[in-house]
Amino acid sequence: MTRQLPLDLPFAPAYGRADFIADDSNEAALAWIERWPEWPGPALVLAAPPGCGKTHLLHIWAARSEASIVDGHGLATLDPAVRRVAIDDAQRMAGDRAAEEALFHLYNRLAVQRGFLLLAAASPPARWQLALRDLASRLRAAPVAEIALPSDTLLETIIVKLCSDRQLVLAPRVLQYVVRRMERSADAARRIVAGLDRAALADKAPVTIERARAVLAAAGMEP
């Protein structure tokens, strides 16, 4: 069989509200985002394992609130007029004295100005090993919206959507085979669909379970 060399074109994730798939695993966190500006305090923390949608929710809130998305280590240069701020991977600031102090001053400023701060992280602030006790106290008092690992139903929906974007069709039994064996995250779904798409283009044929098994193994998800 003649094999076609597929082009590995990048597919940037879409972070719009219409692109977010609600599920039991994330509905509480989504409700917090949509509840804004009726938050009980200046800060909210989104906590979830990698690939579970916290970055997507952060972008939804930033668009909704016209917030600035910043790197936690660049807070010192943030315009003091900015009153809504979103920081992804916020747990990485822990242990960096300058970053912690910048976050502490930002929190205090936003509290006075009635601004808002959204922090997305892999875990709640109580587990961040913060050096500044006053900062730790403030963040631990903030509400935490946790996102659970996606369900089979959500993963199936995500994969079908990603496949549709690439004009790739999976047989139901192939889809179920992949979902039952894959790493449980949207990031993993994107990697797997990219691999399945390359396989379909190379073989010029629908993806089989055998091909899906090889894609999972190549992605480090040995069936």
C-alpha atoms as a PDB file:
ATOM      1  CA  MET A   1       0.000   0.000   0.000  1.00  0.00           C
ATOM      2  CA  THR A   2       1.294   3.462  -0.887  1.00  0.00           C
ATOM      3  CA  ARG A   3       1.721   5.530   2.276  1.00  0.00           C
ATOM      4  CA  GLN A   4       1.126   9.264   2.398  1.00  0.00           C
ATOM      5  CA  LEU A   5       3.412  11.451   4.511  1.00  0.00           C
ATOM      6  CA  PRO A   6       1.037  13.443   6.741  1.00  0.00           C
ATOM      7  CA  LEU A   7       1.718  17.060   7.613  1.00  0.00           C
ATOM      8  CA  ASP A   8       1.856  17.482  11.367  1.00  0.00           C
ATOM      9  CA  LEU A   9       0.026  20.801  11.473  1.00  0.00           C
ATOM     10  CA  PRO A  10      -0.468  22.406  14.897  1.00  0.00           C
ATOM     11  CA  PHE A  11      -3.979  22.628  16.303  1.00  0.00           C
ATOM     12  CA  ALA A  12      -4.141  25.419  18.869  1.00  0.00           C
ATOM     13  CA  PRO A  13      -6.707  24.793  21.610  1.00  0.00           C
ATOM     14  CA  ALA A  14      -9.826  26.969  21.424  1.00  0.00           C
ATOM     15  CA  TYR A  15     -10.593  28.696  24.727  1.00  0.00           C
ATOM     16  CA  GLY A  16     -14.004  30.227  24.000  1.00  0.00           C
ATOM     17  CA  ARG A  17     -17.066  29.581  26.162  1.00  0.00           C
ATOM     18  CA  ALA A  18     -18.732  27.729  23.287  1.00  0.00           C
ATOM     19  CA  ASP A  19     -15.751  25.362  23.158  1.00  0.00           C
ATOM     20  CA  PHE A  20     -15.989  24.384  26.831  1.00  0.00           C
ATOM     21  CA  ILE A  21     -17.737  21.063  27.443  1.00  0.00           C
ATOM     22  CA  ALA A  22     -19.581  21.028  30.766  1.00  0.00           C
ATOM     23  CA  ASP A  23     -19.694  17.823  32.790  1.00  0.00           C
ATOM     24  CA  ASP A  24     -20.183  16.648  36.361  1.00  0.00           C
ATOM     25  CA  SER A  25     -16.403  16.915  36.803  1.00  0.00           C
ATOM     26  CA  ASN A  26     -16.267  20.650  36.081  1.00  0.00           C
ATOM     27  CA  GLU A  27     -19.760  22.083  36.552  1.00  0.00           C
ATOM     28  CA  ALA A  28     -19.041  23.492  40.023  1.00  0.00           C
ATOM     29  CA  ALA A  29     -15.944  25.321  38.762  1.00  0.00           C
ATOM     30  CA  LEU A  30     -17.850  26.640  35.742  1.00  0.00           C
ATOM     31  CA  ALA A  31     -20.592  27.896  38.062  1.00  0.00           C
ATOM     32  CA  TRP A  32     -17.995  29.926  40.004  1.00  0.00           C
ATOM     33  CA  ILE A  33     -16.728  31.490  36.776  1.00  0.00           C
ATOM     34  CA  GLU A  34     -20.243  32.388  35.652  1.00  0.00           C
ATOM     35  CA  ARG A  35     -21.099  33.672  39.127  1.00  0.00           C
ATOM     36  CA  TRP A  36     -18.531  36.482  38.784  1.00  0.00           C
ATOM     37  CA  PRO A  37     -18.578  39.322  39.867  1.00  0.00           C
ATOM     38  CA  GLU A  38     -20.637  37.947  42.768  1.00  0.00           C
ATOM     39  CA  TRP A  39     -17.645  36.316  44.445  1.00  0.00           C
ATOM     40  CA  PRO A  40     -17.391  36.508  48.260  1.00  0.00           C
ATOM     41  CA  GLY A  41     -13.894  38.016  48.105  1.00  0.00           C
ATOM     42  CA  PRO A  42     -11.264  39.295  45.706  1.00  0.00           C
ATOM     43  CA  ALA A  43      -9.755  35.910  44.812  1.00  0.00           C
ATOM     44  CA  LEU A  44     -10.804  32.519  43.481  1.00  0.00           C
ATOM     45  CA  VAL A  45      -8.607  29.472  42.943  1.00  0.00           C
ATOM     46  CA  LEU A  46      -9.210  26.859  40.242  1.00  0.00           C
ATOM     47  CA  ALA A  47      -7.487  23.612  41.236  1.00  0.00           C
ATOM     48  CA  ALA A  48      -7.174  20.593  38.970  1.00  0.00           C
ATOM     49  CA  PRO A  49      -4.686  18.059  37.616  1.00  0.00           C
ATOM     50  CA  PRO A  50      -3.089  18.971  34.271  1.00  0.00           C
ATOM     51  CA  GLY A  51      -5.385  18.792  31.267  1.00  0.00           C
ATOM     52  CA  CYS A  52      -8.696  18.981  33.139  1.00  0.00           C
ATOM     53  CA  GLY A  53      -9.846  22.386  31.862  1.00  0.00           C
ATOM     54  CA  LYS A  54      -8.649  24.940  34.416  1.00  0.00           C
ATOM     55  CA  THR A  55      -6.696  26.936  31.806  1.00  0.00           C
ATOM     56  CA  HIS A  56      -9.783  26.958  29.572  1.00  0.00           C
ATOM     57  CA  LEU A  57     -11.922  28.288  32.438  1.00  0.00           C
ATOM     58  CA  LEU A  58      -9.281  30.897  33.225  1.00  0.00           C
ATOM     59  CA  HIS A  59      -9.466  32.160  29.634  1.00  0.00           C
ATOM     60  CA  ILE A  60     -13.267  32.173  29.732  1.00  0.00           C
ATOM     61  CA  TRP A  61     -13.186  34.325  32.868  1.00  0.00           C
ATOM     62  CA  ALA A  62     -10.526  36.617  31.428  1.00  0.00           C
ATOM     63  CA  ALA A  63     -12.689  37.234  28.360  1.00  0.00           C
ATOM     64  CA  ARG A  64     -15.803  37.719  30.479  1.00  0.00           C
ATOM     65  CA  SER A  65     -14.155  40.114  32.938  1.00  0.00           C
ATOM     66  CA  GLU A  66     -11.646  41.734  30.542  1.00  0.00           C
ATOM     67  CA  ALA A  67      -8.871  40.558  32.858  1.00  0.00           C
ATOM     68  CA  SER A  68      -5.153  40.555  32.137  1.00  0.00           C
ATOM     69  CA  ILE A  69      -3.583  37.090  31.934  1.00  0.00           C
ATOM     70  CA  VAL A  70      -0.073  37.333  33.311  1.00  0.00           C
ATOM     71  CA  ASP A  71       2.867  35.156  34.221  1.00  0.00           C
ATOM     72  CA  GLY A  72       3.191  35.020  37.980  1.00  0.00           C
ATOM     73  CA  HIS A  73       6.861  35.900  37.757  1.00  0.00           C
ATOM     74  CA  GLY A  74       6.057  39.072  35.808  1.00  0.00           C
ATOM     75  CA  LEU A  75       3.684  40.606  38.357  1.00  0.00           C
ATOM     76  CA  ALA A  76       6.182  43.294  39.335  1.00  0.00           C
ATOM     77  CA  THR A  77       5.717  44.944  35.929  1.00  0.00           C
ATOM     78  CA  LEU A  78       1.916  44.764  35.926  1.00  0.00           C
ATOM     79  CA  ASP A  79       0.157  48.086  35.333  1.00  0.00           C
ATOM     80  CA  PRO A  80      -1.156  49.213  38.753  1.00  0.00           C
ATOM     81  CA  ALA A  81      -4.370  50.354  37.069  1.00  0.00           C
ATOM     82  CA  VAL A  82      -5.293  46.766  36.173  1.00  0.00           C
ATOM     83  CA  ARG A  83      -8.044  45.562  38.499  1.00  0.00           C
ATOM     84  CA  ARG A  84      -8.747  42.071  37.151  1.00  0.00           C
ATOM     85  CA  VAL A  85      -5.904  39.582  36.884  1.00  0.00           C
ATOM     86  CA  ALA A  86      -5.661  35.896  35.941  1.00  0.00           C
ATOM     87  CA  ILE A  87      -2.579  33.773  36.660  1.00  0.00           C
ATOM     88  CA  ASP A  88      -2.132  30.242  35.324  1.00  0.00           C
ATOM     89  CA  ASP A  89       0.112  27.635  37.003  1.00  0.00           C
ATOM     90  CA  ALA A  90       0.108  29.860  40.068  1.00  0.00           C
ATOM     91  CA  GLN A  91       1.626  27.161  42.284  1.00  0.00           C
ATOM     92  CA  ARG A  92       4.943  27.746  40.513  1.00  0.00           C
ATOM     93  CA  MET A  93       5.303  31.023  42.396  1.00  0.00           C
ATOM     94  CA  ALA A  94       5.662  29.204  45.704  1.00  0.00           C
ATOM     95  CA  GLY A  95       9.191  29.365  47.054  1.00  0.00           C
ATOM     96  CA  ASP A  96      10.148  32.367  44.905  1.00  0.00           C
ATOM     97  CA  ARG A  97      10.361  35.211  47.405  1.00  0.00           C
ATOM     98  CA  ALA A  98      10.027  38.005  44.840  1.00  0.00           C
ATOM     99  CA  ALA A  99       7.066  36.342  43.131  1.00  0.00           C
ATOM    100  CA  GLU A 100       5.320  35.691  46.442  1.00  0.00           C
ATOM    101  CA  GLU A 101       5.795  39.296  47.553  1.00  0.00           C
ATOM    102  CA  ALA A 102       4.465  40.578  44.217  1.00  0.00           C
ATOM    103  CA  LEU A 103       1.400  38.339  44.554  1.00  0.00           C
ATOM    104  CA  PHE A 104       0.881  39.455  48.152  1.00  0.00           C
ATOM    105  CA  HIS A 105       0.936  43.135  47.158  1.00  0.00           C
ATOM    106  CA  LEU A 106      -1.333  42.464  44.181  1.00  0.00           C
ATOM    107  CA  TYR A 107      -3.861  40.667  46.385  1.00  0.00           C
ATOM    108  CA  ASN A 108      -3.893  43.556  48.868  1.00  0.00           C
ATOM    109  CA  ARG A 109      -4.232  46.164  46.116  1.00  0.00           C
ATOM    110  CA  LEU A 110      -7.119  44.344  44.456  1.00  0.00           C
ATOM    111  CA  ALA A 111      -8.861  43.895  47.792  1.00  0.00           C
ATOM    112  CA  VAL A 112      -8.704  47.673  48.391  1.00  0.00           C
ATOM    113  CA  GLN A 113      -9.715  48.549  44.821  1.00  0.00           C
ATOM    114  CA  ARG A 114     -12.477  45.922  44.741  1.00  0.00           C
ATOM    115  CA  GLY A 115     -10.683  44.125  41.969  1.00  0.00           C
ATOM    116  CA  PHE A 116     -10.508  40.391  41.278  1.00  0.00           C
ATOM    117  CA  LEU A 117      -7.829  37.735  41.050  1.00  0.00           C
ATOM    118  CA  LEU A 118      -8.216  34.276  39.495  1.00  0.00           C
ATOM    119  CA  LEU A 119      -5.500  31.710  40.160  1.00  0.00           C
ATOM    120  CA  ALA A 120      -5.355  28.400  38.289  1.00  0.00           C
ATOM    121  CA  ALA A 121      -3.143  25.743  39.822  1.00  0.00           C
ATOM    122  CA  ALA A 122      -2.543  22.023  40.060  1.00  0.00           C
ATOM    123  CA  SER A 123      -3.563  21.978  43.733  1.00  0.00           C
ATOM    124  CA  PRO A 124      -5.184  24.202  46.388  1.00  0.00           C
ATOM    125  CA  PRO A 125      -3.002  26.908  48.034  1.00  0.00           C
ATOM    126  CA  ALA A 126      -2.760  24.901  51.263  1.00  0.00           C
ATOM    127  CA  ARG A 127      -0.374  22.576  49.415  1.00  0.00           C
ATOM    128  CA  TRP A 128       1.833  25.231  47.773  1.00  0.00           C
ATOM    129  CA  GLN A 129       4.621  25.488  50.381  1.00  0.00           C
ATOM    130  CA  LEU A 130       4.374  29.287  50.473  1.00  0.00           C
ATOM    131  CA  ALA A 131       7.091  31.085  52.412  1.00  0.00           C
ATOM    132  CA  LEU A 132       5.102  34.263  53.151  1.00  0.00           C
ATOM    133  CA  ARG A 133       2.683  33.443  55.966  1.00  0.00           C
ATOM    134  CA  ASP A 134       0.446  36.444  55.290  1.00  0.00           C
ATOM    135  CA  LEU A 135       0.097  35.444  51.639  1.00  0.00           C
ATOM    136  CA  ALA A 136      -0.590  31.836  52.602  1.00  0.00           C
ATOM    137  CA  SER A 137      -3.281  32.987  55.027  1.00  0.00           C
ATOM    138  CA  ARG A 138      -5.039  35.118  52.417  1.00  0.00           C
ATOM    139  CA  LEU A 139      -4.980  32.473  49.693  1.00  0.00           C
ATOM    140  CA  ARG A 140      -6.135  29.708  52.007  1.00  0.00           C
ATOM    141  CA  ALA A 141      -9.144  31.855  52.857  1.00  0.00           C
ATOM    142  CA  ALA A 142     -10.088  32.159  49.170  1.00  0.00           C
ATOM    143  CA  PRO A 143     -12.709  29.772  47.775  1.00  0.00           C
ATOM    144  CA  VAL A 144     -11.274  26.861  45.802  1.00  0.00           C
ATOM    145  CA  ALA A 145     -13.156  25.418  42.829  1.00  0.00           C
ATOM    146  CA  GLU A 146     -11.754  21.948  42.209  1.00  0.00           C
ATOM    147  CA  ILE A 147     -12.113  20.109  38.915  1.00  0.00           C
ATOM    148  CA  ALA A 148     -12.139  16.331  38.926  1.00  0.00           C
ATOM    149  CA  LEU A 149     -10.683  13.995  36.309  1.00  0.00           C
ATOM    150  CA  PRO A 150     -12.979  13.828  33.271  1.00  0.00           C
ATOM    151  CA  SER A 151     -15.517  11.042  33.012  1.00  0.00           C
ATOM    152  CA  ASP A 152     -15.656   8.540  30.130  1.00  0.00           C
ATOM    153  CA  THR A 153     -18.601  10.463  28.706  1.00  0.00           C
ATOM    154  CA  LEU A 154     -16.695  13.747  28.714  1.00  0.00           C
ATOM    155  CA  LEU A 155     -13.592  12.165  27.168  1.00  0.00           C
ATOM    156  CA  GLU A 156     -15.712  10.621  24.421  1.00  0.00           C
ATOM    157  CA  THR A 157     -17.295  14.002  23.709  1.00  0.00           C
ATOM    158  CA  ILE A 158     -13.895  15.723  23.609  1.00  0.00           C
ATOM    159  CA  ILE A 159     -12.421  13.111  21.258  1.00  0.00           C
ATOM    160  CA  VAL A 160     -15.426  13.232  18.921  1.00  0.00           C
ATOM    161  CA  LYS A 161     -15.135  17.048  18.793  1.00  0.00           C
ATOM    162  CA  LEU A 162     -11.384  16.920  18.115  1.00  0.00           C
ATOM    163  CA  CYS A 163     -11.897  14.287  15.431  1.00  0.00           C
ATOM    164  CA  SER A 164     -14.621  16.384  13.829  1.00  0.00           C
ATOM    165  CA  ASP A 165     -12.238  19.349  13.683  1.00  0.00           C
ATOM    166  CA  ARG A 166      -9.835  17.159  11.703  1.00  0.00           C
ATOM    167  CA  GLN A 167     -12.576  15.496   9.609  1.00  0.00           C
ATOM    168  CA  LEU A 168     -11.639  12.178  11.196  1.00  0.00           C
ATOM    169  CA  VAL A 169     -14.304   9.577  11.963  1.00  0.00           C
ATOM    170  CA  LEU A 170     -13.793   6.843  14.570  1.00  0.00           C
ATOM    171  CA  ALA A 171     -15.905   3.731  14.753  1.00  0.00           C
ATOM    172  CA  PRO A 172     -17.733   3.499  18.123  1.00  0.00           C
ATOM    173  CA  ARG A 173     -15.740   0.431  19.173  1.00  0.00           C
ATOM    174  CA  VAL A 174     -12.444   2.226  18.438  1.00  0.00           C
ATOM    175  CA  LEU A 175     -13.583   5.268  20.395  1.00  0.00           C
ATOM    176  CA  GLN A 176     -14.559   3.123  23.383  1.00  0.00           C
ATOM    177  CA  TYR A 177     -11.279   1.201  23.191  1.00  0.00           C
ATOM    178  CA  VAL A 178      -9.274   4.434  23.342  1.00  0.00           C
ATOM    179  CA  VAL A 179     -11.294   6.060  26.136  1.00  0.00           C
ATOM    180  CA  ARG A 180     -11.030   3.025  28.407  1.00  0.00           C
ATOM    181  CA  ARG A 181      -7.230   2.941  28.121  1.00  0.00           C
ATOM    182  CA  MET A 182      -6.077   6.550  27.742  1.00  0.00           C
ATOM    183  CA  GLU A 183      -4.686   8.985  30.285  1.00  0.00           C
ATOM    184  CA  ARG A 184      -7.634  10.899  31.715  1.00  0.00           C
ATOM    185  CA  SER A 185      -7.123  14.435  30.465  1.00  0.00           C
ATOM    186  CA  ALA A 186      -8.079  16.708  27.584  1.00  0.00           C
ATOM    187  CA  ASP A 187      -4.376  17.158  26.779  1.00  0.00           C
ATOM    188  CA  ALA A 188      -4.037  13.394  26.339  1.00  0.00           C
ATOM    189  CA  ALA A 189      -7.106  13.408  24.091  1.00  0.00           C
ATOM    190  CA  ARG A 190      -5.482  16.023  21.854  1.00  0.00           C
ATOM    191  CA  ARG A 191      -2.257  13.994  21.584  1.00  0.00           C
ATOM    192  CA  ILE A 192      -4.132  10.790  20.831  1.00  0.00           C
ATOM    193  CA  VAL A 193      -6.378  12.337  18.184  1.00  0.00           C
ATOM    194  CA  ALA A 194      -3.335  13.877  16.492  1.00  0.00           C
ATOM    195  CA  GLY A 195      -1.740  10.419  16.414  1.00  0.00           C
ATOM    196  CA  LEU A 196      -4.902   8.766  15.114  1.00  0.00           C
ATOM    197  CA  ASP A 197      -5.191  11.407  12.408  1.00  0.00           C
ATOM    198  CA  ARG A 198      -1.598  10.822  11.287  1.00  0.00           C
ATOM    199  CA  ALA A 199      -2.264   7.076  11.192  1.00  0.00           C
ATOM    200  CA  ALA A 200      -5.425   7.490   9.107  1.00  0.00           C
ATOM    201  CA  LEU A 201      -3.644   9.765   6.635  1.00  0.00           C
ATOM    202  CA  ALA A 202      -0.655   7.457   6.378  1.00  0.00           C
ATOM    203  CA  ASP A 203      -2.765   4.318   5.870  1.00  0.00           C
ATOM    204  CA  LYS A 204      -5.411   6.056   3.772  1.00  0.00           C
ATOM    205  CA  ALA A 205      -7.919   3.955   5.709  1.00  0.00           C
ATOM    206  CA  PRO A 206     -10.155   4.204   8.779  1.00  0.00           C
ATOM    207  CA  VAL A 207      -8.457   3.767  12.146  1.00  0.00           C
ATOM    208  CA  THR A 208      -8.585   0.222  13.457  1.00  0.00           C
ATOM    209  CA  ILE A 209      -8.249  -0.992  17.041  1.00  0.00           C
ATOM    210  CA  GLU A 210      -4.793  -2.285  16.139  1.00  0.00           C
ATOM    211  CA  ARG A 211      -3.784   1.185  14.956  1.00  0.00           C
ATOM    212  CA  ALA A 212      -5.336   2.783  18.039  1.00  0.00           C
ATOM    213  CA  ARG A 213      -3.318   0.405  20.226  1.00  0.00           C
ATOM    214  CA  ALA A 214      -0.114   1.494  18.476  1.00  0.00           C
ATOM    215  CA  VAL A 215      -0.999   5.190  18.881  1.00  0.00           C
ATOM    216  CA  LEU A 216      -1.669   4.732  22.590  1.00  0.00           C
ATOM    217  CA  ALA A 217       1.643   2.915  23.026  1.00  0.00           C
ATOM    218  CA  ALA A 218       3.518   5.657  21.131  1.00  0.00           C
ATOM    219  CA  ALA A 219       1.950   8.246  23.438  1.00  0.00           C
ATOM    220  CA  GLY A 220       3.190   6.375  26.480  1.00  0.00           C
ATOM    221  CA  MET A 221      -0.241   4.962  27.309  1.00  0.00           C
ATOM    222  CA  GLU A 222       0.449   1.283  26.885  1.00  0.00           C
ATOM    223  CA  PRO A 223      -2.892  -0.579  26.625  1.00  0.00           C
END
